[in-house]
Amino acid sequence: MKNFSVFLATGLLSIGLAHADICADMGAAYQQSQSHFDGWKKEGKEGVGKEYGSNFLLDGARSCAISGDSAGYSCVWRFATPVELGQAYQRMVGEIKACQPLLKQAPGIINDKPEERTQGNLRRSMEVTGFDYGDAGVVVMVGQMQVTSIQSGTNVSRNELKFSFVRAAARP
């Protein structure tokens, strides 16, 4: 679970959230995961060689990426306020709970306790809900993270949501 939280917390960059059909998107991600997301990869790795860009974006996501080992697909959104973030997080968790199983079994729900950390003038609050599709070998994670900083008398806040779809077995 710790590795999934790290995967979830890295690289969050995004804007507004609107799901056309998260269940259909998860089905598409499951199909693409069978070929290590090769149909969604942009040419070459981005950044420091840690992930691939994706040419398939979930509705409203600013960016989506495929992990460097081709086992995971993730998208991120950014919101103006913590309230908007909380609503989007709850909506996405509810929508995924209502989806049909990826194969035959309903997922087990993994709930992390909300985590808050403060260092100097920086505060980070994070909450994660996971869906373990054991028979399909997939874990879906939805997380919200708020980072708040007070610098030079101004309050700066970043409110981000991340969806991650991870295959249990990494590409050999």
Protein backbone atom coordinates (compact mmCIF):
# COMPACT_ATOMS: atom_id res chain seq x y z
CA MET A 1 0.00 0.00 0.00
CA LYS A 2 2.88 2.34 0.76
CA ASN A 3 4.22 1.99 -2.80
CA PHE A 4 0.82 2.87 -4.24
CA SER A 5 0.65 5.98 -2.01
CA VAL A 6 4.06 7.08 -3.28
CA PHE A 7 2.92 6.42 -6.87
CA LEU A 8 -0.19 8.46 -6.14
CA ALA A 9 1.62 11.39 -4.54
CA THR A 10 4.18 11.92 -7.32
CA GLY A 11 3.77 14.19 -10.30
CA LEU A 12 0.39 15.77 -9.57
CA LEU A 13 -0.42 18.46 -12.18
CA SER A 14 -3.94 19.21 -13.37
CA ILE A 15 -7.20 21.13 -13.84
CA GLY A 16 -11.02 20.65 -13.58
CA LEU A 17 -12.73 17.26 -13.41
CA ALA A 18 -15.60 15.97 -15.51
CA HIS A 19 -16.15 12.27 -16.07
CA ALA A 20 -17.96 11.16 -19.16
CA ASP A 21 -17.92 7.56 -17.93
CA ILE A 22 -15.21 6.48 -15.47
CA CYS A 23 -16.42 2.86 -15.70
CA ALA A 24 -15.86 2.80 -19.47
CA ASP A 25 -12.48 4.51 -18.97
CA MET A 26 -11.44 1.81 -16.48
CA GLY A 27 -12.50 -0.87 -18.97
CA ALA A 28 -10.39 0.81 -21.65
CA ALA A 29 -7.44 1.07 -19.25
CA TYR A 30 -7.80 -2.63 -18.41
CA GLN A 31 -7.72 -3.53 -22.12
CA GLN A 32 -4.68 -1.29 -22.74
CA SER A 33 -2.89 -2.70 -19.69
CA GLN A 34 -2.86 -6.10 -21.43
CA SER A 35 -0.38 -4.64 -23.93
CA HIS A 36 1.46 -2.50 -21.34
CA PHE A 37 -0.40 0.63 -22.52
CA ASP A 38 1.58 0.59 -25.78
CA GLY A 39 -1.42 2.01 -27.70
CA TRP A 40 -1.56 5.04 -25.39
CA LYS A 41 2.15 5.85 -25.10
CA LYS A 42 3.57 8.96 -26.66
CA GLU A 43 6.94 8.43 -28.30
CA GLY A 44 9.89 8.55 -25.90
CA LYS A 45 9.93 8.96 -22.15
CA GLU A 46 9.25 12.31 -20.51
CA GLY A 47 11.06 13.99 -17.68
CA VAL A 48 13.99 12.12 -16.20
CA GLY A 49 13.11 8.84 -17.89
CA LYS A 50 10.57 7.91 -15.20
CA GLU A 51 7.36 7.82 -17.23
CA TYR A 52 5.77 8.01 -20.67
CA GLY A 53 3.33 10.66 -21.74
CA SER A 54 -0.10 9.37 -22.71
CA ASN A 55 -2.11 10.27 -25.78
CA PHE A 56 -5.30 9.12 -23.98
CA LEU A 57 -6.65 11.63 -21.43
CA LEU A 58 -9.54 11.13 -19.04
CA ASP A 59 -12.13 13.91 -19.34
CA GLY A 60 -10.93 17.16 -17.82
CA ALA A 61 -7.43 15.92 -16.99
CA ARG A 62 -4.58 18.22 -17.87
CA SER A 63 -2.16 15.33 -18.12
CA CYS A 64 -2.04 11.57 -17.99
CA ALA A 65 1.04 9.37 -17.90
CA ILE A 66 2.17 5.76 -18.07
CA SER A 67 4.71 4.56 -15.52
CA GLY A 68 8.24 3.79 -16.72
CA ASP A 69 7.69 0.05 -16.14
CA SER A 70 4.44 0.26 -18.18
CA ALA A 71 2.43 -1.23 -15.31
CA GLY A 72 0.44 1.90 -14.42
CA TYR A 73 -1.63 4.67 -15.96
CA SER A 74 -2.51 7.83 -14.06
CA CYS A 75 -4.25 11.17 -14.60
CA VAL A 76 -4.39 14.31 -12.50
CA TRP A 77 -6.70 17.29 -12.06
CA ARG A 78 -6.24 20.59 -10.18
CA PHE A 79 -9.02 22.51 -8.42
CA ALA A 80 -9.38 26.11 -7.29
CA THR A 81 -10.58 25.30 -3.76
CA PRO A 82 -10.37 22.50 -1.20
CA VAL A 83 -14.18 22.23 -1.33
CA GLU A 84 -14.16 21.58 -5.09
CA LEU A 85 -11.38 19.02 -4.60
CA GLY A 86 -13.30 17.22 -1.85
CA GLN A 87 -16.45 17.08 -3.96
CA ALA A 88 -14.57 15.73 -7.00
CA TYR A 89 -12.81 13.12 -4.85
CA GLN A 90 -16.06 11.89 -3.31
CA ARG A 91 -17.78 11.88 -6.71
CA MET A 92 -15.02 9.81 -8.34
CA VAL A 93 -14.91 7.32 -5.45
CA GLY A 94 -18.72 6.94 -5.63
CA GLU A 95 -18.68 6.48 -9.41
CA ILE A 96 -16.02 3.76 -9.21
CA LYS A 97 -17.92 1.97 -6.44
CA ALA A 98 -20.95 1.86 -8.77
CA CYS A 99 -18.98 0.31 -11.68
CA GLN A 100 -19.36 -3.34 -12.67
CA PRO A 101 -16.36 -5.56 -11.80
CA LEU A 102 -13.51 -5.56 -14.31
CA LEU A 103 -13.85 -9.34 -14.53
CA LYS A 104 -16.18 -11.30 -12.23
CA GLN A 105 -15.48 -10.15 -8.69
CA ALA A 106 -16.31 -6.79 -7.13
CA PRO A 107 -13.21 -4.99 -5.83
CA GLY A 108 -12.08 -4.96 -2.24
CA ILE A 109 -12.01 -1.41 -0.91
CA ILE A 110 -8.75 -0.14 0.57
CA ASN A 111 -9.13 3.02 2.66
CA ASP A 112 -6.08 4.87 3.87
CA LYS A 113 -6.54 7.15 6.81
CA PRO A 114 -6.19 10.82 5.91
CA GLU A 115 -2.62 11.97 6.47
CA GLU A 116 -1.49 15.46 7.40
CA ARG A 117 2.09 16.71 7.59
CA THR A 118 3.45 20.12 8.40
CA GLN A 119 6.97 21.35 7.78
CA GLY A 120 7.76 25.00 8.34
CA ASN A 121 5.10 27.03 6.54
CA LEU A 122 4.05 24.09 4.33
CA ARG A 123 1.09 21.82 5.14
CA ARG A 124 0.20 18.70 3.13
CA SER A 125 -3.04 16.78 3.56
CA MET A 126 -3.64 13.57 1.62
CA GLU A 127 -6.39 10.93 1.47
CA VAL A 128 -6.46 7.78 -0.70
CA THR A 129 -9.15 5.21 -1.51
CA GLY A 130 -8.12 2.07 -3.34
CA PHE A 131 -10.05 -0.60 -5.21
CA ASP A 132 -8.38 -4.01 -5.35
CA TYR A 133 -9.63 -5.97 -8.37
CA GLY A 134 -7.90 -9.19 -7.30
CA ASP A 135 -9.23 -11.45 -10.05
CA ALA A 136 -8.11 -8.93 -12.70
CA GLY A 137 -4.72 -8.28 -11.07
CA VAL A 138 -5.41 -4.54 -10.88
CA VAL A 139 -5.49 -1.87 -8.18
CA VAL A 140 -7.22 1.45 -8.84
CA MET A 141 -6.30 4.33 -6.54
CA VAL A 142 -8.06 7.66 -6.18
CA GLY A 143 -6.40 10.30 -4.04
CA GLN A 144 -6.76 13.90 -3.08
CA MET A 145 -3.91 16.09 -1.92
CA GLN A 146 -3.89 19.65 -0.63
CA VAL A 147 -0.66 21.57 -0.22
CA THR A 148 -0.93 24.92 1.54
CA SER A 149 1.88 27.39 2.08
CA ILE A 150 1.96 30.87 3.58
CA GLN A 151 4.70 32.91 1.93
CA SER A 152 5.20 36.67 2.24
CA GLY A 153 1.75 37.10 3.81
CA THR A 154 -0.09 35.29 1.00
CA ASN A 155 -1.75 31.91 1.29
CA VAL A 156 -0.85 29.62 -1.63
CA SER A 157 -2.89 26.44 -2.05
CA ARG A 158 -2.67 23.53 -4.51
CA ASN A 159 -5.65 21.14 -4.60
CA GLU A 160 -5.07 18.03 -6.70
CA LEU A 161 -6.87 14.79 -7.51
CA LYS A 162 -5.16 11.74 -9.00
CA PHE A 163 -6.56 8.56 -10.54
CA SER A 164 -4.13 5.62 -10.88
CA PHE A 165 -4.71 2.27 -12.57
CA VAL A 166 -1.93 -0.21 -11.74
CA ARG A 167 -1.37 -3.78 -12.97
CA ALA A 168 -0.12 -6.15 -10.25
CA ALA A 169 2.67 -7.60 -12.40
CA ALA A 170 5.18 -5.21 -13.93
CA ARG A 171 6.36 -5.66 -17.52
CA PRO A 172 9.37 -7.98 -17.72
